[in-house]
Amino acid sequence: MAKVTVRVLNAIVDGKRHGEQLDIEEKSAAYLSSIGYVEVIKDAETKQRNTKGHASKKKSQEKGQKKEVGE
């Protein structure tokens, strides 16, 4: 199983209090999230960063190619 980063809501999970972050197994994160103890934060942020990173690389490569052709 993969580890997932979660933020503790209004509970104490593995000794962590409200607002603290911890890495737990994906299955545990799903259960704790379903009962409202934690909020999964790592998955959404990672996916957004990857898509933004790829788009930025493509734009910078295109700009670099246009300059080389024009010179």
PDB file of N, CA and C in Angstrom:
ATOM      1  N   MET A   1       0.835  -1.192   0.000  1.00  0.00           N
ATOM      2  CA  MET A   1       0.000   0.000   0.000  1.00  0.00           C
ATOM      3  C   MET A   1       0.876   1.251   0.000  1.00  0.00           C
ATOM      4  N   ALA A   2       0.333   2.296  -0.558  1.00  0.00           N
ATOM      5  CA  ALA A   2       1.046   3.562  -0.657  1.00  0.00           C
ATOM      6  C   ALA A   2       0.736   4.436   0.563  1.00  0.00           C
ATOM      7  N   LYS A   3       1.691   5.250   0.906  1.00  0.00           N
ATOM      8  CA  LYS A   3       1.500   6.205   1.994  1.00  0.00           C
ATOM      9  C   LYS A   3       0.834   7.459   1.439  1.00  0.00           C
ATOM     10  N   VAL A   4      -0.029   8.053   2.260  1.00  0.00           N
ATOM     11  CA  VAL A   4      -0.758   9.256   1.887  1.00  0.00           C
ATOM     12  C   VAL A   4      -0.592  10.266   3.008  1.00  0.00           C
ATOM     13  N   THR A   5      -0.432  11.529   2.658  1.00  0.00           N
ATOM     14  CA  THR A   5      -0.345  12.580   3.663  1.00  0.00           C
ATOM     15  C   THR A   5      -1.743  13.097   3.963  1.00  0.00           C
ATOM     16  N   VAL A   6      -2.066  13.187   5.251  1.00  0.00           N
ATOM     17  CA  VAL A   6      -3.384  13.665   5.677  1.00  0.00           C
ATOM     18  C   VAL A   6      -3.228  14.770   6.712  1.00  0.00           C
ATOM     19  N   ARG A   7      -4.274  15.593   6.837  1.00  0.00           N
ATOM     20  CA  ARG A   7      -4.321  16.644   7.863  1.00  0.00           C
ATOM     21  C   ARG A   7      -5.408  16.260   8.847  1.00  0.00           C
ATOM     22  N   VAL A   8      -5.073  16.283  10.133  1.00  0.00           N
ATOM     23  CA  VAL A   8      -6.029  15.910  11.182  1.00  0.00           C
ATOM     24  C   VAL A   8      -7.036  17.037  11.366  1.00  0.00           C
ATOM     25  N   LEU A   9      -8.312  16.675  11.425  1.00  0.00           N
ATOM     26  CA  LEU A   9      -9.373  17.657  11.629  1.00  0.00           C
ATOM     27  C   LEU A   9      -9.667  17.766  13.123  1.00  0.00           C
ATOM     28  N   ASN A  10     -10.845  17.487  13.592  1.00  0.00           N
ATOM     29  CA  ASN A  10     -11.198  17.622  15.002  1.00  0.00           C
ATOM     30  C   ASN A  10     -11.082  16.285  15.712  1.00  0.00           C
ATOM     31  N   ALA A  11      -9.870  15.771  15.812  1.00  0.00           N
ATOM     32  CA  ALA A  11      -9.632  14.478  16.458  1.00  0.00           C
ATOM     33  C   ALA A  11      -8.152  14.385  16.827  1.00  0.00           C
ATOM     34  N   ILE A  12      -7.798  13.288  17.457  1.00  0.00           N
ATOM     35  CA  ILE A  12      -6.396  12.965  17.711  1.00  0.00           C
ATOM     36  C   ILE A  12      -6.134  11.636  17.024  1.00  0.00           C
ATOM     37  N   VAL A  13      -5.204  11.650  16.062  1.00  0.00           N
ATOM     38  CA  VAL A  13      -4.889  10.458  15.282  1.00  0.00           C
ATOM     39  C   VAL A  13      -3.396  10.190  15.422  1.00  0.00           C
ATOM     40  N   ASP A  14      -3.038   9.012  15.925  1.00  0.00           N
ATOM     41  CA  ASP A  14      -1.637   8.639  16.142  1.00  0.00           C
ATOM     42  C   ASP A  14      -0.865   9.701  16.922  1.00  0.00           C
ATOM     43  N   GLY A  15      -1.507  10.311  17.887  1.00  0.00           N
ATOM     44  CA  GLY A  15      -0.861  11.306  18.731  1.00  0.00           C
ATOM     45  C   GLY A  15      -0.783  12.694  18.110  1.00  0.00           C
ATOM     46  N   LYS A  16      -1.318  12.865  16.923  1.00  0.00           N
ATOM     47  CA  LYS A  16      -1.310  14.165  16.244  1.00  0.00           C
ATOM     48  C   LYS A  16      -2.632  14.862  16.523  1.00  0.00           C
ATOM     49  N   ARG A  17      -2.565  16.164  16.760  1.00  0.00           N
ATOM     50  CA  ARG A  17      -3.752  16.947  17.088  1.00  0.00           C
ATOM     51  C   ARG A  17      -4.276  17.714  15.876  1.00  0.00           C
ATOM     52  N   HIS A  18      -5.295  18.506  16.083  1.00  0.00           N
ATOM     53  CA  HIS A  18      -5.962  19.290  15.040  1.00  0.00           C
ATOM     54  C   HIS A  18      -4.950  20.108  14.218  1.00  0.00           C
ATOM     55  N   GLY A  19      -5.018  19.967  12.891  1.00  0.00           N
ATOM     56  CA  GLY A  19      -4.178  20.760  12.000  1.00  0.00           C
ATOM     57  C   GLY A  19      -2.836  20.152  11.657  1.00  0.00           C
ATOM     58  N   GLU A  20      -2.389  19.148  12.397  1.00  0.00           N
ATOM     59  CA  GLU A  20      -1.097  18.526  12.123  1.00  0.00           C
ATOM     60  C   GLU A  20      -1.226  17.558  10.950  1.00  0.00           C
ATOM     61  N   GLN A  21      -0.093  17.311  10.295  1.00  0.00           N
ATOM     62  CA  GLN A  21      -0.071  16.407   9.151  1.00  0.00           C
ATOM     63  C   GLN A  21       0.709  15.154   9.488  1.00  0.00           C
ATOM     64  N   LEU A  22       0.294  14.035   8.879  1.00  0.00           N
ATOM     65  CA  LEU A  22       1.022  12.787   9.070  1.00  0.00           C
ATOM     66  C   LEU A  22       0.843  11.906   7.853  1.00  0.00           C
ATOM     67  N   ASP A  23       1.752  10.956   7.674  1.00  0.00           N
ATOM     68  CA  ASP A  23       1.692   9.994   6.579  1.00  0.00           C
ATOM     69  C   ASP A  23       1.150   8.679   7.114  1.00  0.00           C
ATOM     70  N   ILE A  24       0.078   8.194   6.489  1.00  0.00           N
ATOM     71  CA  ILE A  24      -0.520   6.922   6.879  1.00  0.00           C
ATOM     72  C   ILE A  24      -0.844   6.119   5.623  1.00  0.00           C
ATOM     73  N   GLU A  25      -1.180   4.860   5.806  1.00  0.00           N
ATOM     74  CA  GLU A  25      -1.531   3.998   4.689  1.00  0.00           C
ATOM     75  C   GLU A  25      -2.802   4.502   4.005  1.00  0.00           C
ATOM     76  N   GLU A  26      -2.904   4.239   2.726  1.00  0.00           N
ATOM     77  CA  GLU A  26      -4.032   4.709   1.931  1.00  0.00           C
ATOM     78  C   GLU A  26      -5.371   4.165   2.447  1.00  0.00           C
ATOM     79  N   LYS A  27      -5.389   2.902   2.868  1.00  0.00           N
ATOM     80  CA  LYS A  27      -6.620   2.289   3.373  1.00  0.00           C
ATOM     81  C   LYS A  27      -7.069   2.968   4.671  1.00  0.00           C
ATOM     82  N   SER A  28      -6.135   3.228   5.567  1.00  0.00           N
ATOM     83  CA  SER A  28      -6.456   3.912   6.827  1.00  0.00           C
ATOM     84  C   SER A  28      -6.925   5.332   6.566  1.00  0.00           C
ATOM     85  N   ALA A  29      -6.281   6.000   5.623  1.00  0.00           N
ATOM     86  CA  ALA A  29      -6.663   7.373   5.286  1.00  0.00           C
ATOM     87  C   ALA A  29      -8.087   7.417   4.755  1.00  0.00           C
ATOM     88  N   ALA A  30      -8.450   6.447   3.927  1.00  0.00           N
ATOM     89  CA  ALA A  30      -9.805   6.408   3.376  1.00  0.00           C
ATOM     90  C   ALA A  30     -10.831   6.223   4.485  1.00  0.00           C
ATOM     91  N   TYR A  31     -10.538   5.331   5.428  1.00  0.00           N
ATOM     92  CA  TYR A  31     -11.478   5.096   6.536  1.00  0.00           C
ATOM     93  C   TYR A  31     -11.599   6.327   7.429  1.00  0.00           C
ATOM     94  N   LEU A  32     -10.466   6.885   7.837  1.00  0.00           N
ATOM     95  CA  LEU A  32     -10.497   8.048   8.727  1.00  0.00           C
ATOM     96  C   LEU A  32     -11.157   9.251   8.055  1.00  0.00           C
ATOM     97  N   SER A  33     -10.975   9.368   6.758  1.00  0.00           N
ATOM     98  CA  SER A  33     -11.610  10.450   6.015  1.00  0.00           C
ATOM     99  C   SER A  33     -13.129  10.244   5.958  1.00  0.00           C
ATOM    100  N   SER A  34     -13.558   8.997   5.807  1.00  0.00           N
ATOM    101  CA  SER A  34     -14.998   8.715   5.724  1.00  0.00           C
ATOM    102  C   SER A  34     -15.730   9.028   7.018  1.00  0.00           C
ATOM    103  N   ILE A  35     -15.031   8.926   8.161  1.00  0.00           N
ATOM    104  CA  ILE A  35     -15.679   9.241   9.439  1.00  0.00           C
ATOM    105  C   ILE A  35     -15.384  10.669   9.896  1.00  0.00           C
ATOM    106  N   GLY A  36     -14.659  11.430   9.045  1.00  0.00           N
ATOM    107  CA  GLY A  36     -14.467  12.854   9.320  1.00  0.00           C
ATOM    108  C   GLY A  36     -13.319  13.191  10.249  1.00  0.00           C
ATOM    109  N   TYR A  37     -12.382  12.290  10.453  1.00  0.00           N
ATOM    110  CA  TYR A  37     -11.259  12.564  11.348  1.00  0.00           C
ATOM    111  C   TYR A  37     -10.094  13.243  10.634  1.00  0.00           C
ATOM    112  N   VAL A  38      -9.902  12.954   9.348  1.00  0.00           N
ATOM    113  CA  VAL A  38      -8.773  13.520   8.612  1.00  0.00           C
ATOM    114  C   VAL A  38      -9.233  14.007   7.244  1.00  0.00           C
ATOM    115  N   GLU A  39      -8.366  14.795   6.610  1.00  0.00           N
ATOM    116  CA  GLU A  39      -8.579  15.261   5.251  1.00  0.00           C
ATOM    117  C   GLU A  39      -7.342  14.873   4.450  1.00  0.00           C
ATOM    118  N   VAL A  40      -7.518  14.149   3.348  1.00  0.00           N
ATOM    119  CA  VAL A  40      -6.400  13.742   2.515  1.00  0.00           C
ATOM    120  C   VAL A  40      -5.923  14.954   1.737  1.00  0.00           C
ATOM    121  N   ILE A  41      -4.629  15.273   1.835  1.00  0.00           N
ATOM    122  CA  ILE A  41      -4.126  16.472   1.161  1.00  0.00           C
ATOM    123  C   ILE A  41      -3.059  16.170   0.124  1.00  0.00           C
ATOM    124  N   LYS A  42      -2.343  15.107   0.253  1.00  0.00           N
ATOM    125  CA  LYS A  42      -1.205  14.856  -0.626  1.00  0.00           C
ATOM    126  C   LYS A  42      -1.612  14.491  -2.038  1.00  0.00           C
ATOM    127  N   ASP A  43      -2.632  13.671  -2.256  1.00  0.00           N
ATOM    128  CA  ASP A  43      -2.991  13.195  -3.584  1.00  0.00           C
ATOM    129  C   ASP A  43      -3.365  14.340  -4.522  1.00  0.00           C
ATOM    130  N   ALA A  44      -4.232  15.202  -4.096  1.00  0.00           N
ATOM    131  CA  ALA A  44      -4.705  16.287  -4.949  1.00  0.00           C
ATOM    132  C   ALA A  44      -3.575  17.242  -5.310  1.00  0.00           C
ATOM    133  N   GLU A  45      -2.748  17.610  -4.353  1.00  0.00           N
ATOM    134  CA  GLU A  45      -1.656  18.529  -4.617  1.00  0.00           C
ATOM    135  C   GLU A  45      -0.638  17.921  -5.567  1.00  0.00           C
ATOM    136  N   THR A  46      -0.321  16.667  -5.414  1.00  0.00           N
ATOM    137  CA  THR A  46       0.664  16.016  -6.269  1.00  0.00           C
ATOM    138  C   THR A  46       0.182  15.971  -7.704  1.00  0.00           C
ATOM    139  N   LYS A  47      -1.067  15.629  -7.932  1.00  0.00           N
ATOM    140  CA  LYS A  47      -1.602  15.564  -9.289  1.00  0.00           C
ATOM    141  C   LYS A  47      -1.593  16.934  -9.943  1.00  0.00           C
ATOM    142  N   GLN A  48      -1.950  17.987  -9.206  1.00  0.00           N
ATOM    143  CA  GLN A  48      -1.957  19.330  -9.762  1.00  0.00           C
ATOM    144  C   GLN A  48      -0.551  19.788 -10.108  1.00  0.00           C
ATOM    145  N   ARG A  49       0.404  19.512  -9.269  1.00  0.00           N
ATOM    146  CA  ARG A  49       1.786  19.918  -9.537  1.00  0.00           C
ATOM    147  C   ARG A  49       2.326  19.228 -10.781  1.00  0.00           C
ATOM    148  N   ASN A  50       2.035  17.937 -10.955  1.00  0.00           N
ATOM    149  CA  ASN A  50       2.536  17.205 -12.110  1.00  0.00           C
ATOM    150  C   ASN A  50       1.982  17.773 -13.413  1.00  0.00           C
ATOM    151  N   THR A  51       0.712  18.078 -13.465  1.00  0.00           N
ATOM    152  CA  THR A  51       0.149  18.607 -14.703  1.00  0.00           C
ATOM    153  C   THR A  51       0.683  19.997 -14.980  1.00  0.00           C
ATOM    154  N   LYS A  52       0.831  20.831 -13.973  1.00  0.00           N
ATOM    155  CA  LYS A  52       1.372  22.167 -14.182  1.00  0.00           C
ATOM    156  C   LYS A  52       2.833  22.085 -14.619  1.00  0.00           C
ATOM    157  N   GLY A  53       3.579  21.184 -14.043  1.00  0.00           N
ATOM    158  CA  GLY A  53       4.991  21.047 -14.380  1.00  0.00           C
ATOM    159  C   GLY A  53       5.197  20.638 -15.820  1.00  0.00           C
ATOM    160  N   HIS A  54       4.378  19.726 -16.320  1.00  0.00           N
ATOM    161  CA  HIS A  54       4.517  19.278 -17.696  1.00  0.00           C
ATOM    162  C   HIS A  54       4.179  20.405 -18.662  1.00  0.00           C
ATOM    163  N   ALA A  55       3.159  21.159 -18.369  1.00  0.00           N
ATOM    164  CA  ALA A  55       2.762  22.256 -19.245  1.00  0.00           C
ATOM    165  C   ALA A  55       3.849  23.326 -19.277  1.00  0.00           C
ATOM    166  N   SER A  56       4.448  23.611 -18.147  1.00  0.00           N
ATOM    167  CA  SER A  56       5.500  24.619 -18.086  1.00  0.00           C
ATOM    168  C   SER A  56       6.706  24.185 -18.897  1.00  0.00           C
ATOM    169  N   LYS A  57       7.052  22.912 -18.811  1.00  0.00           N
ATOM    170  CA  LYS A  57       8.193  22.409 -19.569  1.00  0.00           C
ATOM    171  C   LYS A  57       7.937  22.518 -21.062  1.00  0.00           C
ATOM    172  N   LYS A  58       6.727  22.187 -21.498  1.00  0.00           N
ATOM    173  CA  LYS A  58       6.401  22.260 -22.913  1.00  0.00           C
ATOM    174  C   LYS A  58       6.479  23.695 -23.406  1.00  0.00           C
ATOM    175  N   LYS A  59       5.959  24.635 -22.641  1.00  0.00           N
ATOM    176  CA  LYS A  59       5.997  26.036 -23.043  1.00  0.00           C
ATOM    177  C   LYS A  59       7.422  26.542 -23.146  1.00  0.00           C
ATOM    178  N   SER A  60       8.256  26.193 -22.179  1.00  0.00           N
ATOM    179  CA  SER A  60       9.638  26.660 -22.217  1.00  0.00           C
ATOM    180  C   SER A  60      10.401  26.029 -23.368  1.00  0.00           C
ATOM    181  N   GLN A  61      10.094  24.775 -23.693  1.00  0.00           N
ATOM    182  CA  GLN A  61      10.753  24.124 -24.824  1.00  0.00           C
ATOM    183  C   GLN A  61      10.318  24.766 -26.131  1.00  0.00           C
ATOM    184  N   GLU A  62       9.025  25.076 -26.247  1.00  0.00           N
ATOM    185  CA  GLU A  62       8.538  25.714 -27.460  1.00  0.00           C
ATOM    186  C   GLU A  62       9.179  27.074 -27.649  1.00  0.00           C
ATOM    187  N   LYS A  63       9.288  27.845 -26.587  1.00  0.00           N
ATOM    188  CA  LYS A  63       9.909  29.153 -26.675  1.00  0.00           C
ATOM    189  C   LYS A  63      11.369  29.027 -27.111  1.00  0.00           C
ATOM    190  N   GLY A  64      12.059  28.060 -26.537  1.00  0.00           N
ATOM    191  CA  GLY A  64      13.457  27.856 -26.882  1.00  0.00           C
ATOM    192  C   GLY A  64      13.610  27.433 -28.329  1.00  0.00           C
ATOM    193  N   GLN A  65      12.735  26.602 -28.838  1.00  0.00           N
ATOM    194  CA  GLN A  65      12.810  26.155 -30.223  1.00  0.00           C
ATOM    195  C   GLN A  65      12.525  27.293 -31.172  1.00  0.00           C
ATOM    196  N   LYS A  66      11.591  28.149 -30.861  1.00  0.00           N
ATOM    197  CA  LYS A  66      11.263  29.267 -31.733  1.00  0.00           C
ATOM    198  C   LYS A  66      12.451  30.219 -31.840  1.00  0.00           C
ATOM    199  N   LYS A  67      13.136  30.461 -30.748  1.00  0.00           N
ATOM    200  CA  LYS A  67      14.296  31.355 -30.776  1.00  0.00           C
ATOM    201  C   LYS A  67      15.403  30.769 -31.628  1.00  0.00           C
ATOM    202  N   GLU A  68      15.613  29.474 -31.531  1.00  0.00           N
ATOM    203  CA  GLU A  68      16.684  28.846 -32.300  1.00  0.00           C
ATOM    204  C   GLU A  68      16.375  28.904 -33.789  1.00  0.00           C
ATOM    205  N   VAL A  69      15.126  28.714 -34.169  1.00  0.00           N
ATOM    206  CA  VAL A  69      14.745  28.738 -35.583  1.00  0.00           C
ATOM    207  C   VAL A  69      14.861  30.144 -36.127  1.00  0.00           C
ATOM    208  N   GLY A  70      14.463  31.138 -35.347  1.00  0.00           N
ATOM    209  CA  GLY A  70      14.467  32.515 -35.801  1.00  0.00           C
ATOM    210  C   GLY A  70      15.854  33.116 -35.925  1.00  0.00           C
ATOM    211  N   GLU A  71      16.835  32.571 -35.246  1.00  0.00           N
ATOM    212  CA  GLU A  71      18.170  33.176 -35.258  1.00  0.00           C
ATOM    213  C   GLU A  71      18.955  32.845 -36.447  1.00  0.00           C
TER     214      GLU A  71
END
